[in-house]
Every structure is written in C-alpha cells, then in structure tokens.
C-alpha cells in the first residue's frame, strides 16, 4: 500500500484542501504502491483522486511527466482532467476527478475490445500534432537499445536459442523511424483503459496514467497495445486481423514494427527475471505474448 493521507506533509494537505475543498474521508487506491494514490471525499461530496510522491523518489520523473502532460492535454481527450497540481513542499502532486470504473476486458468476445481499439485510434487523431515539450520516443528507445545488448548477454534473461534472433532484430533498428509528432500514451495496458458503465447509459472508456507519455508515430501505440490482446486470449492471427483495417497500422513500417516488438519483449523478459517475485509471473506471461507475436512476424 502506498503513502496514506495522514503521512503527507501538513503544508501539502493544506494546499489540497485550499484548492479542492475540505477533506472528510480518505481511501487508499487499491493497487497503487508507489508514492500516494488516495481517493479524497470532500465536504462538498465531490471525490478526487490524489497522486503524490517525494520529489526525490525514484518514480518522481514519472509523476512529473504525468503532471506536465496533464497541463497540456486537449479537452477532447477521454481522460480525467487534472484539477490541480503542485511541485511545492518537496513533493510532486496532482489531483483528478475520481472515476469509479473497471479495467478494460480485452478477452475474445468482449465488447471492450472494439471500444479499446476505437479509443486508441481516437487518441492518435486528437493528439496529432501533440503539444510541445514532450520527450521524444526516439531518444527513449535509443537509450533502451544501449541497455538491450547487455540484457542479451544475461543468461538469466535470454534463452540461448533466442539470442541470435533478438540481436539481429535490434541491430537493424532504425531509431529515426520513431520520429514523428503524435503524443503517445506509450503504456496502454488494460488497467490504463477504464470502463465506466452508468445505469441506462452506454459505457464510456477513459485513459489513465500518462507518466510514460512521449512523442512519436501513431502506429507505435498499437504496437505497444497489441501484446495485451494476445495476453488476454486472442490468437496472433486474430490480433493482426484486428489491426489490419486501421489506416495508421497499414502505414506502419513493418520491419520496424517487428523490431519494436522485439525490444518490448526483451524488456519483459528482463523484468520477469529481476522484478519482485510477486510481479514475475505477469511479466513472464507478457513476454510469452510478445515472443509469439514476434515469431509469427519473422516466419
């Protein structure tokens, strides 16, 4: 469980109440372990979601990127609007309306699958060109490629029979293919897509968690999202068919898509080997999905 309301500095809590209203009840957000993730009920009966972490916390750069992106996201983007943020008191903090939804169900036959693909496509339309000042995906991937070659030599991560395949794919990566003007979420897993189902109203899907946002080509969002469809039970062929009719996917450079999948999978293998034991199974499952897609594309 993350940091609770009572453990936040008093000046920070005072700022929250000054800008958002007196707090009468707090509830830690389940599954939020880094920093503080807290649902606040205000005297006005309005609920907000507060995220905060110390400015020197290892995850602070993620919080600051999410805060900066929250300041510039267009109103039309289906995401909770940031109501307040602060970098005072040695903390990075931000507050959004609390949306009580569920994670998207990406399993075969779920209506959430179509809605998720529509939402991802909508992001590309709304965020091209993206706002200035967002880190470049090409810079990020360039850094990852530098680490990737060390991972390839780590026998605890890389099955010996796969090393040559990954090495060849990563050696041919053209980072310049990742230079473009779209603001990407870059971390669209099922938990980042929340479904709200009001009584008598069609479900709505909201996008959460912009801490990995970067600037690059719109097809990247689908390349990062598709392994989650495979993890949810879709075959690789079915996943490819779901993407095939999307214009942005048709325009994607196929060889660079494959190389990006290889990089994504490699880092899931790394995390499966080195993450806390409680997280390893999830990373192993994700890595198997990425590897099966990769094998399909190179055979």
Protein backbone atom coordinates (compact mmCIF):
# COMPACT_ATOMS: atom_id res chain seq x y z
CA UNK A 1 0.00 0.00 0.00
CA UNK A 2 1.28 3.48 -0.84
CA UNK A 3 1.66 6.52 1.38
CA UNK A 4 -1.56 7.43 3.18
CA UNK A 5 -3.14 10.87 3.54
CA UNK A 6 -2.06 11.27 7.17
CA UNK A 7 1.60 10.74 6.21
CA UNK A 8 1.67 13.57 3.67
CA UNK A 9 3.31 16.82 4.83
CA UNK A 10 0.80 19.12 6.52
CA UNK A 11 1.57 22.04 4.14
CA UNK A 12 0.76 19.78 1.17
CA UNK A 13 -2.52 18.65 2.73
CA UNK A 14 -3.38 22.27 3.46
CA UNK A 15 -2.77 23.15 -0.21
CA UNK A 16 -5.00 20.29 -1.36
CA UNK A 17 -7.86 21.46 0.86
CA UNK A 18 -7.38 25.11 -0.08
CA UNK A 19 -7.71 24.34 -3.78
CA UNK A 20 -10.11 21.39 -3.75
CA UNK A 21 -12.10 21.79 -0.55
CA UNK A 22 -12.01 20.30 2.96
CA UNK A 23 -11.41 16.54 3.06
CA UNK A 24 -13.78 14.49 5.22
CA UNK A 25 -12.73 10.96 4.25
CA UNK A 26 -9.77 9.29 2.53
CA UNK A 27 -9.39 5.85 0.95
CA UNK A 28 -6.11 4.48 -0.46
CA UNK A 29 -6.50 3.42 -4.10
CA UNK A 30 -6.06 -0.36 -4.39
CA UNK A 31 -3.02 -1.47 -6.33
CA UNK A 32 -1.24 1.87 -6.03
CA UNK A 33 2.07 1.05 -4.32
CA UNK A 34 4.40 3.88 -5.39
CA UNK A 35 4.01 7.24 -3.67
CA UNK A 36 0.49 8.17 -2.62
CA UNK A 37 -2.66 7.18 -4.50
CA UNK A 38 -5.66 8.29 -2.48
CA UNK A 39 -9.36 8.84 -3.07
CA UNK A 40 -10.48 12.00 -1.29
CA UNK A 41 -14.08 12.72 -0.35
CA UNK A 42 -14.59 16.44 0.11
CA UNK A 43 -17.07 18.31 2.24
CA UNK A 44 -18.91 19.18 -0.98
CA UNK A 45 -19.42 15.38 -1.50
CA UNK A 46 -17.16 15.53 -4.54
CA UNK A 47 -14.47 12.83 -4.89
CA UNK A 48 -10.99 13.44 -6.26
CA UNK A 49 -8.04 11.16 -6.89
CA UNK A 50 -4.78 12.46 -5.42
CA UNK A 51 -1.39 11.21 -6.60
CA UNK A 52 1.78 12.42 -4.89
CA UNK A 53 5.37 11.38 -4.31
CA UNK A 54 8.50 12.98 -2.82
CA UNK A 55 10.45 14.93 -5.43
CA UNK A 56 13.48 12.69 -4.80
CA UNK A 57 11.56 9.42 -5.06
CA UNK A 58 12.77 7.09 -7.89
CA UNK A 59 9.36 7.38 -9.55
CA UNK A 60 9.27 11.19 -9.36
CA UNK A 61 10.17 11.65 -13.04
CA UNK A 62 7.10 9.59 -14.00
CA UNK A 63 4.86 11.71 -11.78
CA UNK A 64 6.34 14.93 -13.15
CA UNK A 65 5.83 13.81 -16.74
CA UNK A 66 2.22 12.93 -15.99
CA UNK A 67 1.75 16.31 -14.33
CA UNK A 68 3.27 18.17 -17.27
CA UNK A 69 1.17 16.25 -19.80
CA UNK A 70 -1.94 16.93 -17.69
CA UNK A 71 -1.33 20.64 -18.15
CA UNK A 72 -1.45 20.44 -21.96
CA UNK A 73 -3.79 17.57 -22.90
CA UNK A 74 -6.63 18.76 -25.16
CA UNK A 75 -10.05 18.81 -23.51
CA UNK A 76 -11.42 16.33 -26.06
CA UNK A 77 -9.08 13.53 -24.93
CA UNK A 78 -11.09 10.89 -22.96
CA UNK A 79 -9.16 11.18 -19.73
CA UNK A 80 -9.89 12.66 -16.30
CA UNK A 81 -8.94 16.34 -16.38
CA UNK A 82 -6.25 17.40 -13.94
CA UNK A 83 -7.88 19.81 -11.48
CA UNK A 84 -4.82 20.89 -9.53
CA UNK A 85 -1.10 20.15 -9.29
CA UNK A 86 1.88 21.25 -7.26
CA UNK A 87 5.65 20.86 -7.01
CA UNK A 88 5.87 22.68 -3.66
CA UNK A 89 6.88 21.27 -0.27
CA UNK A 90 9.38 18.84 -1.82
CA UNK A 91 6.58 16.78 -3.41
CA UNK A 92 5.06 16.31 -6.84
CA UNK A 93 1.28 16.15 -6.51
CA UNK A 94 -1.75 16.21 -8.79
CA UNK A 95 -5.49 15.69 -8.44
CA UNK A 96 -8.12 14.46 -10.90
CA UNK A 97 -11.84 13.70 -10.58
CA UNK A 98 -12.22 10.19 -9.16
CA UNK A 99 -13.74 7.87 -11.77
CA UNK A 100 -15.02 4.60 -10.36
CA UNK A 101 -14.61 2.29 -13.34
CA UNK A 102 -13.19 -1.14 -14.11
CA UNK A 103 -10.21 -2.24 -16.14
CA UNK A 104 -10.96 -2.96 -19.80
CA UNK A 105 -11.77 -6.60 -20.58
CA UNK A 106 -9.73 -7.49 -23.65
CA UNK A 107 -10.70 -11.16 -23.82
CA UNK A 108 -12.15 -12.57 -27.08
CA UNK A 109 -15.81 -11.67 -27.48
CA UNK A 110 -15.72 -8.73 -25.09
CA UNK A 111 -17.27 -5.50 -26.44
CA UNK A 112 -14.41 -3.68 -24.71
CA UNK A 113 -12.02 -4.84 -27.45
CA UNK A 114 -13.70 -2.78 -30.16
CA UNK A 115 -14.07 0.15 -27.79
CA UNK A 116 -10.39 -0.04 -26.84
CA UNK A 117 -9.23 -0.03 -30.46
CA UNK A 118 -11.52 2.91 -31.20
CA UNK A 119 -10.14 4.74 -28.18
CA UNK A 120 -6.52 4.17 -29.20
CA UNK A 121 -7.29 5.38 -32.73
CA UNK A 122 -9.10 8.40 -31.29
CA UNK A 123 -6.01 9.33 -29.27
CA UNK A 124 -3.93 9.36 -32.44
CA UNK A 125 -6.41 11.69 -34.14
CA UNK A 126 -6.71 14.05 -31.18
CA UNK A 127 -3.00 14.17 -30.35
CA UNK A 128 -1.52 14.73 -33.80
CA UNK A 129 0.28 17.03 -33.68
CA UNK A 130 0.90 16.75 -29.97
CA UNK A 131 1.73 19.60 -27.60
CA UNK A 132 5.37 20.74 -27.45
CA UNK A 133 7.83 19.85 -24.74
CA UNK A 134 7.13 16.10 -24.53
CA UNK A 135 10.20 13.80 -24.56
CA UNK A 136 10.94 12.09 -27.87
CA UNK A 137 10.29 8.38 -28.23
CA UNK A 138 13.38 8.08 -30.43
CA UNK A 139 15.57 9.31 -27.55
CA UNK A 140 13.92 6.87 -25.14
CA UNK A 141 14.31 3.88 -27.46
CA UNK A 142 17.89 4.87 -28.23
CA UNK A 143 18.63 4.56 -24.53
CA UNK A 144 16.83 1.23 -24.29
CA UNK A 145 18.83 -0.17 -27.19
CA UNK A 146 22.01 0.63 -25.31
CA UNK A 147 20.78 -1.46 -22.37
CA UNK A 148 19.35 -4.19 -24.59
CA UNK A 149 22.73 -5.51 -25.69
CA UNK A 150 23.74 -6.04 -22.06
CA UNK A 151 20.49 -7.94 -21.49
CA UNK A 152 21.26 -10.21 -24.43
CA UNK A 153 24.40 -11.34 -22.59
CA UNK A 154 22.49 -12.04 -19.37
CA UNK A 155 21.90 -15.80 -19.37
CA UNK A 156 19.33 -15.49 -16.59
CA UNK A 157 17.15 -13.49 -19.00
CA UNK A 158 17.83 -14.68 -22.52
CA UNK A 159 17.30 -18.28 -23.66
CA UNK A 160 20.43 -19.24 -25.58
CA UNK A 161 18.42 -20.28 -28.63
CA UNK A 162 16.78 -16.85 -28.94
CA UNK A 163 19.80 -14.61 -28.54
CA UNK A 164 20.74 -14.50 -32.24
CA UNK A 165 17.16 -13.64 -33.24
CA UNK A 166 16.91 -10.70 -30.85
CA UNK A 167 20.44 -9.48 -31.64
CA UNK A 168 19.75 -9.40 -35.38
CA UNK A 169 16.45 -7.57 -34.96
CA UNK A 170 17.83 -4.97 -32.58
CA UNK A 171 20.96 -4.36 -34.66
CA UNK A 172 18.73 -3.30 -37.55
CA UNK A 173 16.57 -0.90 -35.52
CA UNK A 174 16.21 2.47 -37.26
CA UNK A 175 15.52 4.87 -34.39
CA UNK A 176 14.80 7.58 -36.98
CA UNK A 177 11.59 5.68 -37.88
CA UNK A 178 10.27 6.68 -34.46
CA UNK A 179 10.47 10.41 -35.09
CA UNK A 180 7.02 11.94 -35.53
CA UNK A 181 4.69 14.49 -33.93
CA UNK A 182 1.98 12.42 -32.19
CA UNK A 183 1.70 12.50 -28.39
CA UNK A 184 1.73 8.83 -27.34
CA UNK A 185 0.50 7.40 -24.06
CA UNK A 186 3.01 4.55 -24.60
CA UNK A 187 1.68 2.35 -21.78
CA UNK A 188 -1.86 1.33 -22.77
CA UNK A 189 -2.35 -1.87 -20.78
CA UNK A 190 -5.89 -2.93 -19.72
CA UNK A 191 -5.63 -1.15 -16.37
CA UNK A 192 -4.89 2.15 -18.12
CA UNK A 193 -8.19 1.85 -20.00
CA UNK A 194 -11.04 2.19 -17.52
CA UNK A 195 -14.65 1.48 -18.41
CA UNK A 196 -17.49 3.37 -16.72
CA UNK A 197 -20.97 1.91 -17.07
CA UNK A 198 -23.61 4.34 -15.75
CA UNK A 199 -27.12 2.95 -15.40
CA UNK A 200 -29.01 3.32 -18.66
CA UNK A 201 -26.07 4.94 -20.47
CA UNK A 202 -23.66 3.39 -22.96
CA UNK A 203 -20.28 2.54 -21.40
CA UNK A 204 -17.50 5.10 -21.69
CA UNK A 205 -13.77 4.37 -21.76
CA UNK A 206 -11.23 6.66 -20.12
CA UNK A 207 -7.45 6.67 -20.43
CA UNK A 208 -5.40 6.86 -17.23
CA UNK A 209 -1.72 7.16 -16.34
CA UNK A 210 0.24 9.45 -18.67
CA UNK A 211 3.59 9.07 -16.89
CA UNK A 212 5.28 7.36 -19.87
CA UNK A 213 3.99 9.82 -22.49
CA UNK A 214 6.33 10.67 -25.35
CA UNK A 215 6.30 11.95 -28.91
CA UNK A 216 6.47 9.60 -31.91
CA UNK A 217 4.49 7.99 -34.75
CA UNK A 218 0.86 6.97 -34.04
CA UNK A 219 1.35 3.31 -35.07
CA UNK A 220 3.56 2.80 -32.00
CA UNK A 221 0.52 2.98 -29.73
CA UNK A 222 -0.98 -0.08 -31.43
CA UNK A 223 2.34 -1.95 -31.43
CA UNK A 224 2.56 -1.46 -27.66
CA UNK A 225 -1.11 -2.35 -27.11
CA UNK A 226 -1.42 -5.49 -29.25
CA UNK A 227 0.56 -7.83 -26.94
CA UNK A 228 -2.10 -7.23 -24.29
CA UNK A 229 -4.71 -8.59 -26.71
CA UNK A 230 -2.62 -11.73 -27.12
CA UNK A 231 -2.19 -11.97 -23.35
CA UNK A 232 -5.98 -11.73 -22.99
CA UNK A 233 -6.50 -14.81 -25.16
CA UNK A 234 -6.58 -13.62 -28.79
CA UNK A 235 -4.52 -15.63 -31.25
CA UNK A 236 -1.70 -13.83 -33.01
CA UNK A 237 -3.59 -14.10 -36.32
CA UNK A 238 -6.74 -12.64 -34.77
CA UNK A 239 -4.72 -9.81 -33.25
CA UNK A 240 -3.17 -8.99 -36.61
CA UNK A 241 -6.62 -9.05 -38.23
CA UNK A 242 -7.99 -6.62 -35.63
CA UNK A 243 -5.23 -4.18 -36.57
CA UNK A 244 -5.28 -4.78 -40.32
CA UNK A 245 -8.13 -2.40 -41.17
CA UNK A 246 -6.65 0.54 -39.30
CA UNK A 247 -5.16 3.10 -41.68
CA UNK A 248 -2.44 4.07 -39.22
CA UNK A 249 -1.36 0.41 -38.95
CA UNK A 250 -1.37 -0.07 -42.70
CA UNK A 251 1.07 2.84 -42.96
CA UNK A 252 3.44 1.49 -40.31
CA UNK A 253 6.91 0.28 -41.44
CA UNK A 254 6.55 -3.47 -40.94
CA UNK A 255 10.21 -4.21 -40.25
CA UNK A 256 10.46 -1.50 -37.60
CA UNK A 257 7.22 -2.71 -36.00
CA UNK A 258 8.81 -6.15 -35.64
CA UNK A 259 11.97 -4.67 -34.13
CA UNK A 260 9.95 -2.64 -31.64
CA UNK A 261 8.06 -5.79 -30.62
CA UNK A 262 11.43 -7.49 -30.07
CA UNK A 263 12.57 -4.65 -27.82
CA UNK A 264 9.27 -4.66 -25.88
CA UNK A 265 9.51 -8.43 -25.37
CA UNK A 266 13.17 -8.31 -24.34
CA UNK A 267 12.43 -5.91 -21.52
CA UNK A 268 9.51 -8.06 -20.33
CA UNK A 269 11.93 -10.98 -20.17
CA UNK A 270 14.33 -8.82 -18.18
CA UNK A 271 11.65 -7.76 -15.71
CA UNK A 272 10.42 -11.34 -15.38
CA UNK A 273 13.93 -12.31 -14.26
CA UNK A 274 14.64 -9.36 -11.98
CA UNK A 275 11.31 -7.95 -10.73
CA UNK A 276 9.97 -8.77 -7.25
CA UNK A 277 8.68 -12.33 -7.11
CA UNK A 278 5.06 -11.15 -6.86
CA UNK A 279 5.35 -9.49 -10.31
CA UNK A 280 7.39 -12.08 -12.18
CA UNK A 281 4.52 -14.25 -13.41
CA UNK A 282 2.77 -11.26 -15.03
CA UNK A 283 5.94 -10.24 -16.85
CA UNK A 284 6.57 -13.82 -17.97
CA UNK A 285 3.05 -14.01 -19.40
CA UNK A 286 3.54 -10.69 -21.23
CA UNK A 287 6.90 -11.85 -22.58
CA UNK A 288 5.34 -15.07 -23.94
CA UNK A 289 2.72 -12.99 -25.75
CA UNK A 290 5.36 -10.74 -27.27
CA UNK A 291 7.50 -13.70 -28.31
CA UNK A 292 4.61 -15.49 -30.00
CA UNK A 293 3.78 -12.34 -31.99
CA UNK A 294 7.43 -11.90 -32.86
CA UNK A 295 7.79 -15.47 -34.09
CA UNK A 296 4.66 -15.06 -36.22
CA UNK A 297 6.07 -11.97 -37.90
CA UNK A 298 9.50 -13.38 -38.75
CA UNK A 299 8.38 -16.79 -40.07
